[in-house]
Amino acid sequence: MAEKPKDIKVILAEAMEKPTAKERSAYLDKVCRDAGDLRREVESLLQLEDKVGGFLESPIFDMGVTLDDSAVSGRSPAQS
């Protein structure tokens, strides 16, 4: 019985953890051996990640705002 292919998110995450392109390729050879479409999709996402750098791990909305809560420490919103 053939092993069920892993979820693409799992494969992508595990591939991203591989330190070299050679290790990524060997990993994809193993987990995508009977799923050429899956491998192409993962490789496409890996290439995009390499170009854009961290887009998969970045928050969708990063407004660059930090809140200074030192002025309101210990106060409830009603006391502001």
PDB file of N, CA and C in Angstrom:
ATOM      1  N   MET A   1       0.850  -1.191   0.000  1.00  0.00           N
ATOM      2  CA  MET A   1       0.000   0.000   0.000  1.00  0.00           C
ATOM      3  C   MET A   1       0.889   1.245   0.000  1.00  0.00           C
ATOM      4  N   ALA A   2       0.630   2.178  -0.889  1.00  0.00           N
ATOM      5  CA  ALA A   2       1.436   3.393  -0.985  1.00  0.00           C
ATOM      6  C   ALA A   2       1.144   4.319   0.185  1.00  0.00           C
ATOM      7  N   GLU A   3       2.198   5.005   0.615  1.00  0.00           N
ATOM      8  CA  GLU A   3       2.042   5.956   1.714  1.00  0.00           C
ATOM      9  C   GLU A   3       1.287   7.182   1.214  1.00  0.00           C
ATOM     10  N   LYS A   4       0.345   7.666   2.012  1.00  0.00           N
ATOM     11  CA  LYS A   4      -0.441   8.839   1.646  1.00  0.00           C
ATOM     12  C   LYS A   4       0.467  10.073   1.649  1.00  0.00           C
ATOM     13  N   PRO A   5       0.407  10.894   0.588  1.00  0.00           N
ATOM     14  CA  PRO A   5       1.251  12.090   0.566  1.00  0.00           C
ATOM     15  C   PRO A   5       0.886  13.046   1.692  1.00  0.00           C
ATOM     16  N   LYS A   6       1.890  13.706   2.208  1.00  0.00           N
ATOM     17  CA  LYS A   6       1.662  14.677   3.277  1.00  0.00           C
ATOM     18  C   LYS A   6       0.981  15.919   2.712  1.00  0.00           C
ATOM     19  N   ASP A   7       0.432  16.697   3.593  1.00  0.00           N
ATOM     20  CA  ASP A   7      -0.168  17.973   3.252  1.00  0.00           C
ATOM     21  C   ASP A   7       0.917  18.901   2.694  1.00  0.00           C
ATOM     22  N   ILE A   8       0.578  19.692   1.698  1.00  0.00           N
ATOM     23  CA  ILE A   8       1.562  20.570   1.067  1.00  0.00           C
ATOM     24  C   ILE A   8       2.188  21.539   2.070  1.00  0.00           C
ATOM     25  N   LYS A   9       1.411  22.006   3.041  1.00  0.00           N
ATOM     26  CA  LYS A   9       1.956  22.927   4.045  1.00  0.00           C
ATOM     27  C   LYS A   9       3.046  22.253   4.861  1.00  0.00           C
ATOM     28  N   VAL A  10       2.824  21.003   5.210  1.00  0.00           N
ATOM     29  CA  VAL A  10       3.807  20.246   5.989  1.00  0.00           C
ATOM     30  C   VAL A  10       5.066  20.027   5.160  1.00  0.00           C
ATOM     31  N   ILE A  11       4.886  19.632   3.914  1.00  0.00           N
ATOM     32  CA  ILE A  11       6.033  19.400   3.032  1.00  0.00           C
ATOM     33  C   ILE A  11       6.825  20.687   2.842  1.00  0.00           C
ATOM     34  N   LEU A  12       6.134  21.779   2.595  1.00  0.00           N
ATOM     35  CA  LEU A  12       6.798  23.064   2.394  1.00  0.00           C
ATOM     36  C   LEU A  12       7.574  23.477   3.638  1.00  0.00           C
ATOM     37  N   ALA A  13       6.945  23.367   4.793  1.00  0.00           N
ATOM     38  CA  ALA A  13       7.615  23.744   6.043  1.00  0.00           C
ATOM     39  C   ALA A  13       8.852  22.888   6.285  1.00  0.00           C
ATOM     40  N   GLU A  14       8.732  21.595   6.062  1.00  0.00           N
ATOM     41  CA  GLU A  14       9.873  20.706   6.279  1.00  0.00           C
ATOM     42  C   GLU A  14      10.971  20.974   5.253  1.00  0.00           C
ATOM     43  N   ALA A  15      10.605  21.262   4.021  1.00  0.00           N
ATOM     44  CA  ALA A  15      11.602  21.569   2.994  1.00  0.00           C
ATOM     45  C   ALA A  15      12.341  22.864   3.322  1.00  0.00           C
ATOM     46  N   MET A  16      11.617  23.843   3.850  1.00  0.00           N
ATOM     47  CA  MET A  16      12.240  25.119   4.200  1.00  0.00           C
ATOM     48  C   MET A  16      13.251  24.970   5.329  1.00  0.00           C
ATOM     49  N   GLU A  17      13.090  23.942   6.142  1.00  0.00           N
ATOM     50  CA  GLU A  17      14.019  23.717   7.247  1.00  0.00           C
ATOM     51  C   GLU A  17      15.337  23.097   6.786  1.00  0.00           C
ATOM     52  N   LYS A  18      15.368  22.568   5.567  1.00  0.00           N
ATOM     53  CA  LYS A  18      16.595  21.953   5.057  1.00  0.00           C
ATOM     54  C   LYS A  18      17.603  23.059   4.749  1.00  0.00           C
ATOM     55  N   PRO A  19      18.845  22.917   5.243  1.00  0.00           N
ATOM     56  CA  PRO A  19      19.824  23.996   5.103  1.00  0.00           C
ATOM     57  C   PRO A  19      20.407  24.180   3.703  1.00  0.00           C
ATOM     58  N   THR A  20      20.341  23.171   2.858  1.00  0.00           N
ATOM     59  CA  THR A  20      20.921  23.300   1.514  1.00  0.00           C
ATOM     60  C   THR A  20      19.920  22.879   0.452  1.00  0.00           C
ATOM     61  N   ALA A  21      20.155  23.370  -0.761  1.00  0.00           N
ATOM     62  CA  ALA A  21      19.293  23.000  -1.889  1.00  0.00           C
ATOM     63  C   ALA A  21      19.369  21.500  -2.157  1.00  0.00           C
ATOM     64  N   LYS A  22      20.545  20.929  -1.964  1.00  0.00           N
ATOM     65  CA  LYS A  22      20.723  19.492  -2.189  1.00  0.00           C
ATOM     66  C   LYS A  22      19.865  18.684  -1.209  1.00  0.00           C
ATOM     67  N   GLU A  23      19.836  19.106   0.051  1.00  0.00           N
ATOM     68  CA  GLU A  23      19.018  18.408   1.053  1.00  0.00           C
ATOM     69  C   GLU A  23      17.528  18.590   0.771  1.00  0.00           C
ATOM     70  N   ARG A  24      17.147  19.777   0.324  1.00  0.00           N
ATOM     71  CA  ARG A  24      15.743  20.015  -0.052  1.00  0.00           C
ATOM     72  C   ARG A  24      15.334  19.082  -1.178  1.00  0.00           C
ATOM     73  N   SER A  25      16.189  18.998  -2.184  1.00  0.00           N
ATOM     74  CA  SER A  25      15.890  18.153  -3.337  1.00  0.00           C
ATOM     75  C   SER A  25      15.762  16.685  -2.938  1.00  0.00           C
ATOM     76  N   ALA A  26      16.671  16.214  -2.089  1.00  0.00           N
ATOM     77  CA  ALA A  26      16.611  14.821  -1.628  1.00  0.00           C
ATOM     78  C   ALA A  26      15.330  14.578  -0.834  1.00  0.00           C
ATOM     79  N   TYR A  27      14.951  15.541   0.002  1.00  0.00           N
ATOM     80  CA  TYR A  27      13.716  15.426   0.782  1.00  0.00           C
ATOM     81  C   TYR A  27      12.507  15.354  -0.157  1.00  0.00           C
ATOM     82  N   LEU A  28      12.472  16.237  -1.159  1.00  0.00           N
ATOM     83  CA  LEU A  28      11.345  16.242  -2.098  1.00  0.00           C
ATOM     84  C   LEU A  28      11.322  14.982  -2.951  1.00  0.00           C
ATOM     85  N   ASP A  29      12.503  14.455  -3.285  1.00  0.00           N
ATOM     86  CA  ASP A  29      12.561  13.173  -4.003  1.00  0.00           C
ATOM     87  C   ASP A  29      11.836  12.096  -3.207  1.00  0.00           C
ATOM     88  N   LYS A  30      12.048  12.119  -1.912  1.00  0.00           N
ATOM     89  CA  LYS A  30      11.476  11.090  -1.032  1.00  0.00           C
ATOM     90  C   LYS A  30       9.966  11.262  -0.856  1.00  0.00           C
ATOM     91  N   VAL A  31       9.538  12.469  -0.499  1.00  0.00           N
ATOM     92  CA  VAL A  31       8.123  12.653  -0.149  1.00  0.00           C
ATOM     93  C   VAL A  31       7.201  12.888  -1.347  1.00  0.00           C
ATOM     94  N   CYS A  32       7.766  13.266  -2.476  1.00  0.00           N
ATOM     95  CA  CYS A  32       6.938  13.550  -3.661  1.00  0.00           C
ATOM     96  C   CYS A  32       7.232  12.597  -4.812  1.00  0.00           C
ATOM     97  N   ARG A  33       7.781  11.451  -4.505  1.00  0.00           N
ATOM     98  CA  ARG A  33       8.249  10.559  -5.579  1.00  0.00           C
ATOM     99  C   ARG A  33       7.152  10.167  -6.565  1.00  0.00           C
ATOM    100  N   ASP A  34       5.926  10.047  -6.130  1.00  0.00           N
ATOM    101  CA  ASP A  34       4.824   9.665  -7.022  1.00  0.00           C
ATOM    102  C   ASP A  34       3.837  10.807  -7.241  1.00  0.00           C
ATOM    103  N   ALA A  35       4.265  12.018  -6.922  1.00  0.00           N
ATOM    104  CA  ALA A  35       3.364  13.167  -7.014  1.00  0.00           C
ATOM    105  C   ALA A  35       4.092  14.346  -7.661  1.00  0.00           C
ATOM    106  N   GLY A  36       4.279  14.255  -8.971  1.00  0.00           N
ATOM    107  CA  GLY A  36       5.003  15.297  -9.700  1.00  0.00           C
ATOM    108  C   GLY A  36       4.367  16.666  -9.590  1.00  0.00           C
ATOM    109  N   ASP A  37       3.034  16.722  -9.627  1.00  0.00           N
ATOM    110  CA  ASP A  37       2.342  18.008  -9.510  1.00  0.00           C
ATOM    111  C   ASP A  37       2.596  18.639  -8.150  1.00  0.00           C
ATOM    112  N   LEU A  38       2.557  17.826  -7.116  1.00  0.00           N
ATOM    113  CA  LEU A  38       2.802  18.315  -5.760  1.00  0.00           C
ATOM    114  C   LEU A  38       4.220  18.865  -5.651  1.00  0.00           C
ATOM    115  N   ARG A  39       5.187  18.139  -6.179  1.00  0.00           N
ATOM    116  CA  ARG A  39       6.580  18.584  -6.121  1.00  0.00           C
ATOM    117  C   ARG A  39       6.750  19.913  -6.860  1.00  0.00           C
ATOM    118  N   ARG A  40       6.162  20.037  -8.035  1.00  0.00           N
ATOM    119  CA  ARG A  40       6.283  21.286  -8.792  1.00  0.00           C
ATOM    120  C   ARG A  40       5.682  22.457  -8.022  1.00  0.00           C
ATOM    121  N   GLU A  41       4.567  22.214  -7.366  1.00  0.00           N
ATOM    122  CA  GLU A  41       3.933  23.281  -6.587  1.00  0.00           C
ATOM    123  C   GLU A  41       4.809  23.684  -5.410  1.00  0.00           C
ATOM    124  N   VAL A  42       5.370  22.703  -4.705  1.00  0.00           N
ATOM    125  CA  VAL A  42       6.255  22.997  -3.573  1.00  0.00           C
ATOM    126  C   VAL A  42       7.496  23.743  -4.061  1.00  0.00           C
ATOM    127  N   GLU A  43       8.094  23.283  -5.157  1.00  0.00           N
ATOM    128  CA  GLU A  43       9.287  23.952  -5.687  1.00  0.00           C
ATOM    129  C   GLU A  43       8.979  25.384  -6.104  1.00  0.00           C
ATOM    130  N   SER A  44       7.795  25.605  -6.665  1.00  0.00           N
ATOM    131  CA  SER A  44       7.388  26.949  -7.050  1.00  0.00           C
ATOM    132  C   SER A  44       7.290  27.860  -5.824  1.00  0.00           C
ATOM    133  N   LEU A  45       6.698  27.348  -4.766  1.00  0.00           N
ATOM    134  CA  LEU A  45       6.584  28.126  -3.532  1.00  0.00           C
ATOM    135  C   LEU A  45       7.952  28.376  -2.903  1.00  0.00           C
ATOM    136  N   LEU A  46       8.836  27.403  -2.971  1.00  0.00           N
ATOM    137  CA  LEU A  46      10.191  27.578  -2.442  1.00  0.00           C
ATOM    138  C   LEU A  46      10.947  28.649  -3.226  1.00  0.00           C
ATOM    139  N   GLN A  47      10.786  28.654  -4.545  1.00  0.00           N
ATOM    140  CA  GLN A  47      11.444  29.675  -5.365  1.00  0.00           C
ATOM    141  C   GLN A  47      10.907  31.060  -5.040  1.00  0.00           C
ATOM    142  N   LEU A  48       9.607  31.154  -4.860  1.00  0.00           N
ATOM    143  CA  LEU A  48       8.999  32.430  -4.500  1.00  0.00           C
ATOM    144  C   LEU A  48       9.496  32.889  -3.139  1.00  0.00           C
ATOM    145  N   GLU A  49       9.594  31.976  -2.206  1.00  0.00           N
ATOM    146  CA  GLU A  49      10.107  32.291  -0.870  1.00  0.00           C
ATOM    147  C   GLU A  49      11.540  32.805  -0.963  1.00  0.00           C
ATOM    148  N   ASP A  50      12.358  32.173  -1.798  1.00  0.00           N
ATOM    149  CA  ASP A  50      13.742  32.619  -1.971  1.00  0.00           C
ATOM    150  C   ASP A  50      13.807  34.026  -2.555  1.00  0.00           C
ATOM    151  N   LYS A  51      12.912  34.342  -3.503  1.00  0.00           N
ATOM    152  CA  LYS A  51      12.899  35.664  -4.135  1.00  0.00           C
ATOM    153  C   LYS A  51      12.412  36.746  -3.180  1.00  0.00           C
ATOM    154  N   VAL A  52      11.323  36.465  -2.496  1.00  0.00           N
ATOM    155  CA  VAL A  52      10.680  37.466  -1.658  1.00  0.00           C
ATOM    156  C   VAL A  52      11.265  37.475  -0.249  1.00  0.00           C
ATOM    157  N   GLY A  53      11.705  36.332   0.212  1.00  0.00           N
ATOM    158  CA  GLY A  53      12.349  36.241   1.512  1.00  0.00           C
ATOM    159  C   GLY A  53      11.409  36.412   2.687  1.00  0.00           C
ATOM    160  N   GLY A  54      10.921  35.333   3.216  1.00  0.00           N
ATOM    161  CA  GLY A  54      10.140  35.350   4.444  1.00  0.00           C
ATOM    162  C   GLY A  54       8.670  35.671   4.291  1.00  0.00           C
ATOM    163  N   PHE A  55       8.162  35.757   3.065  1.00  0.00           N
ATOM    164  CA  PHE A  55       6.753  36.135   2.927  1.00  0.00           C
ATOM    165  C   PHE A  55       5.807  35.138   3.576  1.00  0.00           C
ATOM    166  N   LEU A  56       6.200  33.871   3.643  1.00  0.00           N
ATOM    167  CA  LEU A  56       5.318  32.872   4.241  1.00  0.00           C
ATOM    168  C   LEU A  56       5.306  32.943   5.760  1.00  0.00           C
ATOM    169  N   GLU A  57       6.327  33.538   6.339  1.00  0.00           N
ATOM    170  CA  GLU A  57       6.424  33.594   7.789  1.00  0.00           C
ATOM    171  C   GLU A  57       6.062  34.962   8.346  1.00  0.00           C
ATOM    172  N   SER A  58       5.834  35.951   7.488  1.00  0.00           N
ATOM    173  CA  SER A  58       5.540  37.304   7.924  1.00  0.00           C
ATOM    174  C   SER A  58       4.059  37.460   8.221  1.00  0.00           C
ATOM    175  N   PRO A  59       3.736  38.325   9.185  1.00  0.00           N
ATOM    176  CA  PRO A  59       2.323  38.600   9.433  1.00  0.00           C
ATOM    177  C   PRO A  59       1.717  39.288   8.211  1.00  0.00           C
ATOM    178  N   ILE A  60       0.455  39.057   7.980  1.00  0.00           N
ATOM    179  CA  ILE A  60      -0.213  39.677   6.840  1.00  0.00           C
ATOM    180  C   ILE A  60      -0.245  41.189   7.011  1.00  0.00           C
ATOM    181  N   PHE A  61      -0.585  41.633   8.205  1.00  0.00           N
ATOM    182  CA  PHE A  61      -0.654  43.058   8.484  1.00  0.00           C
ATOM    183  C   PHE A  61       0.402  43.406   9.516  1.00  0.00           C
ATOM    184  N   ASP A  62       1.371  44.205   9.109  1.00  0.00           N
ATOM    185  CA  ASP A  62       2.382  44.695  10.033  1.00  0.00           C
ATOM    186  C   ASP A  62       2.418  46.202   9.862  1.00  0.00           C
ATOM    187  N   MET A  63       1.750  46.890  10.755  1.00  0.00           N
ATOM    188  CA  MET A  63       1.629  48.324  10.621  1.00  0.00           C
ATOM    189  C   MET A  63       2.828  49.055  11.211  1.00  0.00           C
ATOM    190  N   GLY A  64       3.749  48.328  11.821  1.00  0.00           N
ATOM    191  CA  GLY A  64       4.926  48.962  12.384  1.00  0.00           C
ATOM    192  C   GLY A  64       4.619  49.807  13.607  1.00  0.00           C
ATOM    193  N   VAL A  65       3.524  49.535  14.264  1.00  0.00           N
ATOM    194  CA  VAL A  65       3.113  50.313  15.423  1.00  0.00           C
ATOM    195  C   VAL A  65       3.404  49.524  16.690  1.00  0.00           C
ATOM    196  N   THR A  66       4.052  50.181  17.631  1.00  0.00           N
ATOM    197  CA  THR A  66       4.230  49.581  18.947  1.00  0.00           C
ATOM    198  C   THR A  66       3.529  50.472  19.956  1.00  0.00           C
ATOM    199  N   LEU A  67       2.944  49.854  20.920  1.00  0.00           N
ATOM    200  CA  LEU A  67       2.214  50.594  21.933  1.00  0.00           C
ATOM    201  C   LEU A  67       3.074  50.765  23.169  1.00  0.00           C
ATOM    202  N   ASP A  68       3.087  51.969  23.704  1.00  0.00           N
ATOM    203  CA  ASP A  68       3.807  52.244  24.939  1.00  0.00           C
ATOM    204  C   ASP A  68       2.803  52.116  26.070  1.00  0.00           C
ATOM    205  N   ASP A  69       2.851  50.975  26.745  1.00  0.00           N
ATOM    206  CA  ASP A  69       1.888  50.745  27.817  1.00  0.00           C
ATOM    207  C   ASP A  69       2.423  51.187  29.168  1.00  0.00           C
ATOM    208  N   SER A  70       3.599  51.801  29.232  1.00  0.00           N
ATOM    209  CA  SER A  70       4.155  52.222  30.516  1.00  0.00           C
ATOM    210  C   SER A  70       3.328  53.343  31.145  1.00  0.00           C
ATOM    211  N   ALA A  71       2.697  54.167  30.334  1.00  0.00           N
ATOM    212  CA  ALA A  71       1.905  55.280  30.851  1.00  0.00           C
ATOM    213  C   ALA A  71       0.578  54.829  31.441  1.00  0.00           C
ATOM    214  N   VAL A  72       0.111  53.662  31.094  1.00  0.00           N
ATOM    215  CA  VAL A  72      -1.185  53.205  31.573  1.00  0.00           C
ATOM    216  C   VAL A  72      -1.077  51.933  32.392  1.00  0.00           C
ATOM    217  N   SER A  73       0.105  51.578  32.796  1.00  0.00           N
ATOM    218  CA  SER A  73       0.315  50.346  33.545  1.00  0.00           C
ATOM    219  C   SER A  73      -0.558  50.312  34.791  1.00  0.00           C
ATOM    220  N   GLY A  74      -1.326  49.252  34.919  1.00  0.00           N
ATOM    221  CA  GLY A  74      -2.173  49.060  36.087  1.00  0.00           C
ATOM    222  C   GLY A  74      -3.506  49.770  36.016  1.00  0.00           C
ATOM    223  N   ARG A  75      -3.776  50.477  34.944  1.00  0.00           N
ATOM    224  CA  ARG A  75      -5.040  51.192  34.816  1.00  0.00           C
ATOM    225  C   ARG A  75      -5.950  50.449  33.857  1.00  0.00           C
ATOM    226  N   SER A  76      -7.208  50.483  34.125  1.00  0.00           N
ATOM    227  CA  SER A  76      -8.174  49.860  33.227  1.00  0.00           C
ATOM    228  C   SER A  76      -8.491  50.831  32.097  1.00  0.00           C
ATOM    229  N   PRO A  77      -9.072  50.335  31.006  1.00  0.00           N
ATOM    230  CA  PRO A  77      -9.430  51.231  29.899  1.00  0.00           C
ATOM    231  C   PRO A  77     -10.360  52.361  30.335  1.00  0.00           C
ATOM    232  N   ALA A  78     -11.202  52.122  31.310  1.00  0.00           N
ATOM    233  CA  ALA A  78     -12.127  53.153  31.777  1.00  0.00           C
ATOM    234  C   ALA A  78     -11.394  54.278  32.497  1.00  0.00           C
ATOM    235  N   GLN A  79     -10.211  54.008  33.042  1.00  0.00           N
ATOM    236  CA  GLN A  79      -9.452  55.011  33.777  1.00  0.00           C
ATOM    237  C   GLN A  79      -8.548  55.838  32.866  1.00  0.00           C
ATOM    238  N   SER A  80      -8.489  55.542  31.588  1.00  0.00           N
ATOM    239  CA  SER A  80      -7.560  56.233  30.683  1.00  0.00           C
ATOM    240  C   SER A  80      -7.947  57.647  30.441  1.00  0.00           C
TER     241      SER A  80
END
